[in-house]
Amino acid sequence: MNCGLCSSYLAMVHDLKRLGIMKTYCPGCRPRGKNCAFMKKQCKLLGSGQVRYCFECGEFPCRILKHLDQRYRERYRMSMIENLTYIKKHGIRKFLKKEADKWRCSKCGDVVCCHNGICFKCGQEKLKAKKKKYQWDKKGDKK
C-alpha cells in the first residue's frame, strides 16, 4: 500500500479535523519505521521484521495477500501484488514516481485518494458532504 494515497494519511497531511471533517489520522507505516499494518498481524515474517516487503518471502503472493489484493482491486482500483512486483523490479523510488503520476488530481495537481477517488486538497467540500466515505462515485472516475 502506498501510504501517500490512503485516506487516513491524506486526512492527516491536509489536517481535515481542523475543517470539521472527522477522519482518522495515520502517519503511515514506513515513514514511522514500522512494519506493514495490513499484514504484520497475519504474517510472522513481516511482524518480526524478517522481511520488509512481501515479495522477499518465498510464499509471495500468499493466500492472505491475494485476498487483500482482490479487495483493493475491486474497491479501490489498485493491486497490492502489482505494486510489490513493480517495487521488486524497479525499486521504491520509481514506484513512488509512477504512483504520483497515476494518482495526480487533474484539477490542482495534488494526489487523489485511492479509497474514494477524491483529492483531499481541492475536494474538501465533497469530503464534507460524502456519506459513504470509502467508496468511489458510481462512474468510477477519479474526482
N, C-alpha and C. Protein backbone atom coordinates (compact mmCIF):
# COMPACT_ATOMS: atom_id res chain seq x y z
N MET A 1 0.85 -1.19 0.00
CA MET A 1 0.00 0.00 0.00
C MET A 1 0.89 1.24 0.00
N ASN A 2 0.56 2.15 -0.84
CA ASN A 2 1.25 3.43 -0.88
C ASN A 2 0.57 4.35 0.13
N CYS A 3 1.21 4.60 1.26
CA CYS A 3 0.62 5.44 2.31
C CYS A 3 0.15 6.79 1.78
N GLY A 4 0.84 7.32 0.80
CA GLY A 4 0.51 8.63 0.26
C GLY A 4 -0.84 8.70 -0.42
N LEU A 5 -1.50 7.56 -0.66
CA LEU A 5 -2.81 7.52 -1.30
C LEU A 5 -3.94 7.21 -0.33
N CYS A 6 -3.58 6.89 0.90
CA CYS A 6 -4.53 6.42 1.90
C CYS A 6 -5.33 7.57 2.49
N SER A 7 -6.61 7.34 2.72
CA SER A 7 -7.49 8.39 3.25
C SER A 7 -7.04 8.87 4.63
N SER A 8 -6.56 7.97 5.48
CA SER A 8 -6.13 8.39 6.82
C SER A 8 -4.84 9.21 6.77
N TYR A 9 -3.95 8.84 5.87
CA TYR A 9 -2.70 9.59 5.71
C TYR A 9 -3.00 10.97 5.11
N LEU A 10 -3.82 11.01 4.08
CA LEU A 10 -4.16 12.28 3.44
C LEU A 10 -4.95 13.19 4.37
N ALA A 11 -5.80 12.61 5.22
CA ALA A 11 -6.54 13.41 6.20
C ALA A 11 -5.57 14.10 7.15
N MET A 12 -4.51 13.38 7.54
CA MET A 12 -3.50 13.96 8.43
C MET A 12 -2.72 15.07 7.70
N VAL A 13 -2.28 14.78 6.48
CA VAL A 13 -1.49 15.75 5.71
C VAL A 13 -2.26 17.06 5.51
N HIS A 14 -3.56 16.95 5.24
CA HIS A 14 -4.38 18.13 4.99
C HIS A 14 -5.13 18.61 6.23
N ASP A 15 -4.86 18.00 7.37
CA ASP A 15 -5.45 18.37 8.66
C ASP A 15 -6.96 18.59 8.54
N LEU A 16 -7.66 17.56 8.10
CA LEU A 16 -9.09 17.68 7.85
C LEU A 16 -9.92 17.91 9.11
N LYS A 17 -9.43 17.46 10.26
CA LYS A 17 -10.18 17.69 11.50
C LYS A 17 -10.32 19.19 11.77
N ARG A 18 -9.32 19.94 11.39
CA ARG A 18 -9.36 21.41 11.53
C ARG A 18 -10.53 21.99 10.75
N LEU A 19 -10.93 21.31 9.68
CA LEU A 19 -12.03 21.77 8.84
C LEU A 19 -13.36 21.14 9.25
N GLY A 20 -13.35 20.37 10.32
CA GLY A 20 -14.57 19.72 10.79
C GLY A 20 -14.87 18.40 10.12
N ILE A 21 -13.92 17.87 9.37
CA ILE A 21 -14.08 16.57 8.73
C ILE A 21 -13.40 15.55 9.63
N MET A 22 -14.18 14.77 10.31
CA MET A 22 -13.63 13.85 11.30
C MET A 22 -13.19 12.54 10.63
N LYS A 23 -11.92 12.42 10.40
CA LYS A 23 -11.32 11.23 9.81
C LYS A 23 -10.15 10.81 10.69
N THR A 24 -9.89 9.54 10.69
CA THR A 24 -8.75 9.00 11.41
C THR A 24 -7.47 9.50 10.76
N TYR A 25 -6.48 9.84 11.56
CA TYR A 25 -5.18 10.25 11.06
C TYR A 25 -4.20 9.08 11.19
N CYS A 26 -3.32 8.96 10.21
CA CYS A 26 -2.26 7.96 10.26
C CYS A 26 -1.03 8.51 9.55
N PRO A 27 0.12 8.48 10.20
CA PRO A 27 1.34 8.97 9.56
C PRO A 27 1.99 7.95 8.62
N GLY A 28 1.41 6.78 8.48
CA GLY A 28 1.95 5.75 7.60
C GLY A 28 2.91 4.83 8.33
N CYS A 29 3.04 3.63 7.82
CA CYS A 29 3.91 2.63 8.45
C CYS A 29 5.38 2.90 8.17
N ARG A 30 5.74 2.94 6.93
CA ARG A 30 7.16 3.10 6.56
C ARG A 30 7.74 4.43 7.02
N PRO A 31 6.99 5.53 6.89
CA PRO A 31 7.56 6.79 7.38
C PRO A 31 7.90 6.75 8.88
N ARG A 32 7.19 5.91 9.63
CA ARG A 32 7.44 5.78 11.06
C ARG A 32 8.43 4.66 11.37
N GLY A 33 8.93 3.99 10.33
CA GLY A 33 9.85 2.87 10.54
C GLY A 33 9.14 1.62 11.04
N LYS A 34 7.84 1.52 10.77
CA LYS A 34 7.04 0.39 11.22
C LYS A 34 6.89 -0.63 10.10
N ASN A 35 6.50 -1.83 10.50
CA ASN A 35 6.20 -2.88 9.51
C ASN A 35 4.79 -2.69 8.98
N CYS A 36 4.51 -3.29 7.88
CA CYS A 36 3.24 -3.16 7.18
C CYS A 36 2.04 -3.42 8.09
N ALA A 37 1.18 -2.43 8.22
CA ALA A 37 0.00 -2.54 9.08
C ALA A 37 -1.01 -3.54 8.54
N PHE A 38 -1.06 -3.71 7.22
CA PHE A 38 -2.02 -4.64 6.63
C PHE A 38 -1.73 -6.08 7.00
N MET A 39 -0.47 -6.44 6.99
CA MET A 39 -0.12 -7.85 7.04
C MET A 39 0.63 -8.28 8.30
N LYS A 40 1.14 -7.36 9.09
CA LYS A 40 2.04 -7.74 10.17
C LYS A 40 1.40 -8.66 11.21
N LYS A 41 0.09 -8.55 11.41
CA LYS A 41 -0.56 -9.42 12.38
C LYS A 41 -0.80 -10.82 11.83
N GLN A 42 -0.91 -10.93 10.51
CA GLN A 42 -1.15 -12.23 9.89
C GLN A 42 0.14 -12.92 9.43
N CYS A 43 1.23 -12.19 9.38
CA CYS A 43 2.48 -12.74 8.84
C CYS A 43 3.61 -12.58 9.86
N LYS A 44 4.14 -13.70 10.31
CA LYS A 44 5.22 -13.67 11.30
C LYS A 44 6.48 -13.00 10.73
N LEU A 45 6.77 -13.23 9.46
CA LEU A 45 7.97 -12.64 8.86
C LEU A 45 7.90 -11.11 8.84
N LEU A 46 6.77 -10.56 8.42
CA LEU A 46 6.61 -9.11 8.41
C LEU A 46 6.52 -8.56 9.83
N GLY A 47 5.78 -9.24 10.67
CA GLY A 47 5.58 -8.79 12.05
C GLY A 47 6.87 -8.72 12.84
N SER A 48 7.77 -9.63 12.55
CA SER A 48 9.04 -9.67 13.29
C SER A 48 10.15 -8.88 12.59
N GLY A 49 9.85 -8.35 11.40
CA GLY A 49 10.84 -7.56 10.67
C GLY A 49 11.84 -8.40 9.89
N GLN A 50 11.58 -9.69 9.72
CA GLN A 50 12.48 -10.54 8.95
C GLN A 50 12.45 -10.21 7.46
N VAL A 51 11.31 -9.67 7.01
CA VAL A 51 11.20 -9.16 5.64
C VAL A 51 10.56 -7.78 5.72
N ARG A 52 10.91 -6.91 4.80
CA ARG A 52 10.29 -5.57 4.75
C ARG A 52 9.15 -5.53 3.74
N TYR A 53 9.27 -6.30 2.69
CA TYR A 53 8.28 -6.35 1.62
C TYR A 53 7.86 -7.81 1.42
N CYS A 54 6.60 -8.01 1.12
CA CYS A 54 6.07 -9.37 0.92
C CYS A 54 6.83 -10.13 -0.16
N PHE A 55 7.31 -9.45 -1.19
CA PHE A 55 8.00 -10.15 -2.27
C PHE A 55 9.31 -10.80 -1.82
N GLU A 56 9.80 -10.46 -0.65
CA GLU A 56 11.01 -11.08 -0.12
C GLU A 56 10.75 -12.47 0.45
N CYS A 57 9.49 -12.84 0.55
CA CYS A 57 9.08 -14.13 1.10
C CYS A 57 8.95 -15.17 -0.01
N GLY A 58 9.32 -16.40 0.29
CA GLY A 58 9.22 -17.50 -0.67
C GLY A 58 7.78 -17.86 -1.02
N GLU A 59 6.82 -17.42 -0.22
CA GLU A 59 5.41 -17.73 -0.48
C GLU A 59 4.68 -16.60 -1.21
N PHE A 60 5.41 -15.58 -1.65
CA PHE A 60 4.79 -14.45 -2.33
C PHE A 60 4.20 -14.87 -3.67
N PRO A 61 2.96 -14.52 -3.95
CA PRO A 61 1.97 -13.92 -3.07
C PRO A 61 1.21 -15.00 -2.29
N CYS A 62 1.11 -14.81 -1.02
CA CYS A 62 0.43 -15.78 -0.16
C CYS A 62 -1.09 -15.62 -0.25
N ARG A 63 -1.80 -16.52 0.36
CA ARG A 63 -3.27 -16.52 0.35
C ARG A 63 -3.82 -15.23 0.96
N ILE A 64 -3.25 -14.77 2.05
CA ILE A 64 -3.73 -13.56 2.73
C ILE A 64 -3.53 -12.33 1.83
N LEU A 65 -2.36 -12.24 1.21
CA LEU A 65 -2.09 -11.11 0.32
C LEU A 65 -3.00 -11.16 -0.90
N LYS A 66 -3.26 -12.34 -1.43
CA LYS A 66 -4.17 -12.46 -2.58
C LYS A 66 -5.57 -11.97 -2.22
N HIS A 67 -6.02 -12.29 -1.03
CA HIS A 67 -7.34 -11.85 -0.58
C HIS A 67 -7.37 -10.31 -0.46
N LEU A 68 -6.35 -9.73 0.16
CA LEU A 68 -6.26 -8.27 0.29
C LEU A 68 -6.18 -7.62 -1.09
N ASP A 69 -5.40 -8.20 -1.98
CA ASP A 69 -5.23 -7.68 -3.33
C ASP A 69 -6.57 -7.66 -4.07
N GLN A 70 -7.33 -8.73 -3.94
CA GLN A 70 -8.63 -8.80 -4.61
C GLN A 70 -9.55 -7.69 -4.11
N ARG A 71 -9.59 -7.48 -2.80
CA ARG A 71 -10.43 -6.44 -2.22
C ARG A 71 -10.01 -5.05 -2.73
N TYR A 72 -8.72 -4.79 -2.78
CA TYR A 72 -8.25 -3.49 -3.23
C TYR A 72 -8.47 -3.29 -4.72
N ARG A 73 -8.34 -4.34 -5.51
CA ARG A 73 -8.62 -4.21 -6.94
C ARG A 73 -10.09 -3.90 -7.18
N GLU A 74 -10.98 -4.56 -6.46
CA GLU A 74 -12.41 -4.37 -6.63
C GLU A 74 -12.90 -3.03 -6.10
N ARG A 75 -12.43 -2.64 -4.94
CA ARG A 75 -12.95 -1.43 -4.28
C ARG A 75 -12.17 -0.16 -4.57
N TYR A 76 -10.84 -0.29 -4.73
CA TYR A 76 -10.01 0.91 -4.74
C TYR A 76 -9.12 1.08 -5.96
N ARG A 77 -9.31 0.26 -6.96
CA ARG A 77 -8.60 0.40 -8.24
C ARG A 77 -7.08 0.36 -8.12
N MET A 78 -6.62 -0.53 -7.27
CA MET A 78 -5.17 -0.73 -7.15
C MET A 78 -4.90 -2.17 -6.77
N SER A 79 -3.71 -2.65 -7.07
CA SER A 79 -3.33 -4.02 -6.78
C SER A 79 -2.07 -4.03 -5.91
N MET A 80 -2.19 -4.61 -4.75
CA MET A 80 -1.03 -4.76 -3.86
C MET A 80 0.04 -5.62 -4.52
N ILE A 81 -0.39 -6.69 -5.18
CA ILE A 81 0.57 -7.61 -5.81
C ILE A 81 1.29 -6.91 -6.96
N GLU A 82 0.56 -6.18 -7.79
CA GLU A 82 1.20 -5.42 -8.88
C GLU A 82 2.18 -4.40 -8.32
N ASN A 83 1.77 -3.70 -7.25
CA ASN A 83 2.66 -2.71 -6.62
C ASN A 83 3.95 -3.36 -6.15
N LEU A 84 3.82 -4.47 -5.44
CA LEU A 84 5.00 -5.15 -4.89
C LEU A 84 5.90 -5.70 -6.00
N THR A 85 5.29 -6.23 -7.05
CA THR A 85 6.07 -6.75 -8.18
C THR A 85 6.84 -5.62 -8.85
N TYR A 86 6.21 -4.46 -8.99
CA TYR A 86 6.87 -3.29 -9.58
C TYR A 86 8.03 -2.83 -8.69
N ILE A 87 7.78 -2.76 -7.39
CA ILE A 87 8.84 -2.34 -6.46
C ILE A 87 10.02 -3.30 -6.52
N LYS A 88 9.75 -4.57 -6.57
CA LYS A 88 10.82 -5.58 -6.65
C LYS A 88 11.66 -5.38 -7.91
N LYS A 89 11.00 -5.10 -9.02
CA LYS A 89 11.69 -4.97 -10.30
C LYS A 89 12.39 -3.62 -10.47
N HIS A 90 11.72 -2.52 -10.03
CA HIS A 90 12.21 -1.17 -10.33
C HIS A 90 12.66 -0.36 -9.12
N GLY A 91 12.31 -0.80 -7.93
CA GLY A 91 12.69 -0.07 -6.72
C GLY A 91 11.59 0.88 -6.25
N ILE A 92 11.70 1.26 -5.00
CA ILE A 92 10.66 2.08 -4.36
C ILE A 92 10.60 3.50 -4.94
N ARG A 93 11.73 4.08 -5.30
CA ARG A 93 11.72 5.45 -5.83
C ARG A 93 10.96 5.54 -7.14
N LYS A 94 11.21 4.62 -8.06
CA LYS A 94 10.49 4.62 -9.33
C LYS A 94 9.01 4.33 -9.12
N PHE A 95 8.72 3.45 -8.16
CA PHE A 95 7.33 3.15 -7.84
C PHE A 95 6.60 4.41 -7.37
N LEU A 96 7.19 5.14 -6.45
CA LEU A 96 6.55 6.34 -5.92
C LEU A 96 6.38 7.41 -7.00
N LYS A 97 7.32 7.51 -7.91
CA LYS A 97 7.21 8.45 -9.03
C LYS A 97 6.04 8.05 -9.94
N LYS A 98 5.95 6.77 -10.25
CA LYS A 98 4.86 6.26 -11.07
C LYS A 98 3.51 6.50 -10.40
N GLU A 99 3.44 6.27 -9.11
CA GLU A 99 2.21 6.48 -8.36
C GLU A 99 1.81 7.95 -8.35
N ALA A 100 2.78 8.84 -8.19
CA ALA A 100 2.49 10.28 -8.18
C ALA A 100 1.86 10.69 -9.50
N ASP A 101 2.36 10.14 -10.60
CA ASP A 101 1.80 10.45 -11.92
C ASP A 101 0.41 9.84 -12.08
N LYS A 102 0.25 8.61 -11.66
CA LYS A 102 -1.01 7.88 -11.82
C LYS A 102 -2.15 8.50 -11.02
N TRP A 103 -1.86 8.93 -9.79
CA TRP A 103 -2.90 9.40 -8.88
C TRP A 103 -2.95 10.93 -8.76
N ARG A 104 -2.42 11.64 -9.72
CA ARG A 104 -2.40 13.11 -9.69
C ARG A 104 -3.79 13.67 -10.00
N CYS A 105 -4.22 14.64 -9.22
CA CYS A 105 -5.50 15.31 -9.43
C CYS A 105 -5.41 16.16 -10.70
N SER A 106 -6.38 16.01 -11.56
CA SER A 106 -6.37 16.77 -12.82
C SER A 106 -6.71 18.24 -12.61
N LYS A 107 -7.29 18.58 -11.46
CA LYS A 107 -7.65 19.98 -11.19
C LYS A 107 -6.52 20.77 -10.54
N CYS A 108 -5.91 20.21 -9.50
CA CYS A 108 -4.93 21.00 -8.75
C CYS A 108 -3.52 20.40 -8.73
N GLY A 109 -3.38 19.16 -9.18
CA GLY A 109 -2.06 18.54 -9.22
C GLY A 109 -1.66 17.80 -7.95
N ASP A 110 -2.48 17.88 -6.91
CA ASP A 110 -2.20 17.13 -5.68
C ASP A 110 -2.54 15.66 -5.92
N VAL A 111 -2.56 14.88 -4.89
CA VAL A 111 -2.80 13.45 -5.03
C VAL A 111 -4.28 13.12 -4.78
N VAL A 112 -4.78 12.12 -5.50
CA VAL A 112 -6.14 11.63 -5.34
C VAL A 112 -6.10 10.41 -4.43
N CYS A 113 -7.02 10.32 -3.51
CA CYS A 113 -7.09 9.21 -2.56
C CYS A 113 -7.55 7.93 -3.26
N CYS A 114 -6.85 6.83 -3.01
CA CYS A 114 -7.23 5.56 -3.62
C CYS A 114 -8.53 5.02 -3.03
N HIS A 115 -8.88 5.41 -1.83
CA HIS A 115 -10.06 4.85 -1.17
C HIS A 115 -11.37 5.44 -1.68
N ASN A 116 -11.34 6.65 -2.23
CA ASN A 116 -12.61 7.25 -2.66
C ASN A 116 -12.51 8.10 -3.92
N GLY A 117 -11.31 8.24 -4.47
CA GLY A 117 -11.16 9.00 -5.71
C GLY A 117 -11.26 10.50 -5.55
N ILE A 118 -11.14 10.99 -4.33
CA ILE A 118 -11.27 12.42 -4.07
C ILE A 118 -9.91 13.03 -3.75
N CYS A 119 -9.65 14.20 -4.28
CA CYS A 119 -8.47 14.96 -3.92
C CYS A 119 -8.76 15.66 -2.60
N PHE A 120 -7.92 15.42 -1.61
CA PHE A 120 -8.15 15.99 -0.28
C PHE A 120 -7.74 17.45 -0.20
N LYS A 121 -7.13 17.97 -1.26
CA LYS A 121 -6.76 19.39 -1.30
C LYS A 121 -7.89 20.22 -1.91
N CYS A 122 -8.32 19.87 -3.12
CA CYS A 122 -9.34 20.69 -3.78
C CYS A 122 -10.75 20.10 -3.64
N GLY A 123 -10.87 18.91 -3.07
CA GLY A 123 -12.17 18.28 -2.94
C GLY A 123 -12.70 18.24 -1.52
N GLN A 124 -12.29 19.19 -0.69
CA GLN A 124 -12.68 19.17 0.72
C GLN A 124 -14.18 19.35 0.92
N GLU A 125 -14.84 20.12 0.09
CA GLU A 125 -16.29 20.27 0.21
C GLU A 125 -16.98 18.95 -0.10
N LYS A 126 -16.47 18.24 -1.06
CA LYS A 126 -17.02 16.93 -1.39
C LYS A 126 -16.82 15.96 -0.23
N LEU A 127 -15.69 16.04 0.43
CA LEU A 127 -15.43 15.18 1.59
C LEU A 127 -16.40 15.48 2.73
N LYS A 128 -16.72 16.75 2.93
CA LYS A 128 -17.66 17.14 3.98
C LYS A 128 -19.05 16.56 3.71
N ALA A 129 -19.43 16.52 2.44
CA ALA A 129 -20.78 16.08 2.06
C ALA A 129 -20.91 14.58 1.85
N LYS A 130 -19.79 13.91 1.71
CA LYS A 130 -19.82 12.49 1.34
C LYS A 130 -20.38 11.64 2.48
N LYS A 131 -21.38 10.82 2.17
CA LYS A 131 -22.00 9.95 3.17
C LYS A 131 -21.23 8.64 3.29
N LYS A 132 -20.89 8.03 2.15
CA LYS A 132 -20.14 6.78 2.14
C LYS A 132 -18.68 7.13 1.89
N LYS A 133 -17.94 7.28 2.94
CA LYS A 133 -16.60 7.85 2.86
C LYS A 133 -15.59 7.01 2.10
N TYR A 134 -15.80 5.71 1.98
CA TYR A 134 -14.78 4.87 1.37
C TYR A 134 -15.22 4.27 0.05
N GLN A 135 -16.05 4.98 -0.69
CA GLN A 135 -16.48 4.47 -1.97
C GLN A 135 -16.25 5.48 -3.08
N TRP A 136 -15.89 4.96 -4.22
CA TRP A 136 -15.75 5.79 -5.39
C TRP A 136 -17.15 6.15 -5.90
N ASP A 137 -17.26 7.22 -6.68
CA ASP A 137 -18.52 7.55 -7.31
C ASP A 137 -18.87 6.42 -8.29
N LYS A 138 -20.14 6.26 -8.57
CA LYS A 138 -20.59 5.15 -9.40
C LYS A 138 -19.96 5.16 -10.79
N LYS A 139 -19.64 6.34 -11.30
CA LYS A 139 -19.00 6.44 -12.61
C LYS A 139 -17.63 5.77 -12.59
N GLY A 140 -17.01 5.71 -11.43
CA GLY A 140 -15.69 5.10 -11.32
C GLY A 140 -14.56 6.03 -11.67
N ASP A 141 -14.88 7.30 -11.88
CA ASP A 141 -13.84 8.26 -12.24
C ASP A 141 -13.19 8.84 -10.99
N LYS A 142 -11.93 9.17 -11.11
CA LYS A 142 -11.26 9.91 -10.03
C LYS A 142 -11.83 11.31 -10.04
N LYS A 143 -12.09 11.84 -8.87
CA LYS A 143 -12.62 13.20 -8.75
C LYS A 143 -11.57 14.14 -8.30
